[in-house]
Amino acid sequence: MSTLLRRFSRTCLTLWLVVGRAGLAAGQVGTIVGTVRDSARAEPVRDALVVIVGTRKEAVSDRAGAFLIERVGSGTHTLEAYKLG
């Protein structure tokens, strides 16, 4: 395992998510917004890469840990967050 991945694995991140448009019907799109926080200190994580697994959709969190991913198809999605360094 690379040093970079080891560092990330020690930093647990928590994603707080809100679906932008509740009650989407099949075939519609919405927005996922959320905040990336360090699970140990509950502090916002800046510049974390947030991706929807299995897609090319991604966003980078701002200095408040906030991110937004637009044009997301309806359904259940798995998100992952990566903070390098």
C-alpha atoms as a PDB file:
ATOM      1  CA  MET A   1       0.000   0.000   0.000  1.00  0.00           C
ATOM      2  CA  SER A   2       1.404   3.395  -0.911  1.00  0.00           C
ATOM      3  CA  THR A   3       2.253   5.986   1.726  1.00  0.00           C
ATOM      4  CA  LEU A   4      -0.440   8.254   0.313  1.00  0.00           C
ATOM      5  CA  LEU A   5      -3.158   5.629   0.721  1.00  0.00           C
ATOM      6  CA  ARG A   6      -1.952   4.741   4.214  1.00  0.00           C
ATOM      7  CA  ARG A   7      -2.285   8.372   5.234  1.00  0.00           C
ATOM      8  CA  PHE A   8      -5.808   8.484   3.846  1.00  0.00           C
ATOM      9  CA  SER A   9      -6.825   5.264   5.542  1.00  0.00           C
ATOM     10  CA  ARG A  10      -5.902   6.819   8.899  1.00  0.00           C
ATOM     11  CA  THR A  11      -8.076   9.836   8.193  1.00  0.00           C
ATOM     12  CA  CYS A  12     -11.682   8.712   8.468  1.00  0.00           C
ATOM     13  CA  LEU A  13     -14.094  10.984   6.676  1.00  0.00           C
ATOM     14  CA  THR A  14     -17.785  11.347   7.269  1.00  0.00           C
ATOM     15  CA  LEU A  15     -20.079  12.543   4.516  1.00  0.00           C
ATOM     16  CA  TRP A  16     -23.297  14.341   5.379  1.00  0.00           C
ATOM     17  CA  LEU A  17     -25.605  14.203   2.406  1.00  0.00           C
ATOM     18  CA  VAL A  18     -28.828  15.805   1.318  1.00  0.00           C
ATOM     19  CA  VAL A  19     -30.525  14.873  -1.944  1.00  0.00           C
ATOM     20  CA  GLY A  20     -31.337  18.056  -3.793  1.00  0.00           C
ATOM     21  CA  ARG A  21     -34.709  16.921  -5.113  1.00  0.00           C
ATOM     22  CA  ALA A  22     -36.558  14.416  -2.963  1.00  0.00           C
ATOM     23  CA  GLY A  23     -39.027  12.053  -4.582  1.00  0.00           C
ATOM     24  CA  LEU A  24     -37.356  11.817  -7.965  1.00  0.00           C
ATOM     25  CA  ALA A  25     -39.095   9.558 -10.439  1.00  0.00           C
ATOM     26  CA  ALA A  26     -37.125   7.099 -12.557  1.00  0.00           C
ATOM     27  CA  GLY A  27     -35.202   8.814 -15.334  1.00  0.00           C
ATOM     28  CA  GLN A  28     -35.037  12.189 -13.637  1.00  0.00           C
ATOM     29  CA  VAL A  29     -31.925  13.901 -12.345  1.00  0.00           C
ATOM     30  CA  GLY A  30     -31.119  15.784  -9.177  1.00  0.00           C
ATOM     31  CA  THR A  31     -28.270  17.187  -7.122  1.00  0.00           C
ATOM     32  CA  ILE A  32     -26.306  15.739  -4.234  1.00  0.00           C
ATOM     33  CA  VAL A  33     -24.962  18.248  -1.725  1.00  0.00           C
ATOM     34  CA  GLY A  34     -23.115  17.498   1.455  1.00  0.00           C
ATOM     35  CA  THR A  35     -20.258  18.208   3.808  1.00  0.00           C
ATOM     36  CA  VAL A  36     -17.079  16.211   4.327  1.00  0.00           C
ATOM     37  CA  ARG A  37     -16.030  16.134   7.996  1.00  0.00           C
ATOM     38  CA  ASP A  38     -13.192  14.457   9.835  1.00  0.00           C
ATOM     39  CA  SER A  39     -14.909  11.774  11.912  1.00  0.00           C
ATOM     40  CA  ALA A  40     -12.440  12.102  14.819  1.00  0.00           C
ATOM     41  CA  ARG A  41     -12.696  15.885  15.270  1.00  0.00           C
ATOM     42  CA  ALA A  42     -15.898  16.707  13.345  1.00  0.00           C
ATOM     43  CA  GLU A  43     -14.002  19.464  11.513  1.00  0.00           C
ATOM     44  CA  PRO A  44     -14.686  20.256   7.839  1.00  0.00           C
ATOM     45  CA  VAL A  45     -12.258  18.675   5.372  1.00  0.00           C
ATOM     46  CA  ARG A  46     -11.082  21.050   2.657  1.00  0.00           C
ATOM     47  CA  ASP A  47     -10.087  19.853  -0.846  1.00  0.00           C
ATOM     48  CA  ALA A  48     -11.439  16.314  -0.446  1.00  0.00           C
ATOM     49  CA  LEU A  49     -12.341  14.600  -3.716  1.00  0.00           C
ATOM     50  CA  VAL A  50     -15.892  13.214  -3.517  1.00  0.00           C
ATOM     51  CA  VAL A  51     -16.853  10.696  -6.216  1.00  0.00           C
ATOM     52  CA  ILE A  52     -19.959   8.718  -7.061  1.00  0.00           C
ATOM     53  CA  VAL A  53     -18.670   5.158  -7.307  1.00  0.00           C
ATOM     54  CA  GLY A  54     -18.952   3.701 -10.808  1.00  0.00           C
ATOM     55  CA  THR A  55     -19.348   7.072 -12.536  1.00  0.00           C
ATOM     56  CA  ARG A  56     -17.204   9.976 -13.621  1.00  0.00           C
ATOM     57  CA  LYS A  57     -19.157  12.369 -11.436  1.00  0.00           C
ATOM     58  CA  GLU A  58     -17.061  14.081  -8.777  1.00  0.00           C
ATOM     59  CA  ALA A  59     -16.611  17.272  -6.801  1.00  0.00           C
ATOM     60  CA  VAL A  60     -13.969  18.842  -4.567  1.00  0.00           C
ATOM     61  CA  SER A  61     -14.996  20.134  -1.141  1.00  0.00           C
ATOM     62  CA  ASP A  62     -14.493  23.819  -0.373  1.00  0.00           C
ATOM     63  CA  ARG A  63     -12.856  25.219   2.756  1.00  0.00           C
ATOM     64  CA  ALA A  64     -16.068  24.597   4.719  1.00  0.00           C
ATOM     65  CA  GLY A  65     -16.067  20.959   3.560  1.00  0.00           C
ATOM     66  CA  ALA A  66     -19.118  21.554   1.337  1.00  0.00           C
ATOM     67  CA  PHE A  67     -19.521  19.905  -2.061  1.00  0.00           C
ATOM     68  CA  LEU A  68     -22.166  19.687  -4.788  1.00  0.00           C
ATOM     69  CA  ILE A  69     -22.599  17.110  -7.560  1.00  0.00           C
ATOM     70  CA  GLU A  70     -25.186  18.037 -10.200  1.00  0.00           C
ATOM     71  CA  ARG A  71     -27.082  16.041 -12.826  1.00  0.00           C
ATOM     72  CA  VAL A  72     -27.207  12.828 -10.782  1.00  0.00           C
ATOM     73  CA  GLY A  73     -29.663  10.188 -11.943  1.00  0.00           C
ATOM     74  CA  SER A  74     -32.332   9.012  -9.540  1.00  0.00           C
ATOM     75  CA  GLY A  75     -31.631   5.957  -7.421  1.00  0.00           C
ATOM     76  CA  THR A  76     -29.211   4.882  -4.728  1.00  0.00           C
ATOM     77  CA  HIS A  77     -25.590   5.982  -5.056  1.00  0.00           C
ATOM     78  CA  THR A  78     -22.410   5.186  -3.147  1.00  0.00           C
ATOM     79  CA  LEU A  79     -20.039   8.088  -2.511  1.00  0.00           C
ATOM     80  CA  GLU A  80     -16.388   7.947  -1.559  1.00  0.00           C
ATOM     81  CA  ALA A  81     -14.211  10.808  -0.338  1.00  0.00           C
ATOM     82  CA  TYR A  82     -10.451  10.997  -0.722  1.00  0.00           C
ATOM     83  CA  LYS A  83      -8.142  13.453   0.985  1.00  0.00           C
ATOM     84  CA  LEU A  84      -4.620  13.170  -0.323  1.00  0.00           C
ATOM     85  CA  GLY A  85      -1.614  14.222   1.694  1.00  0.00           C
END
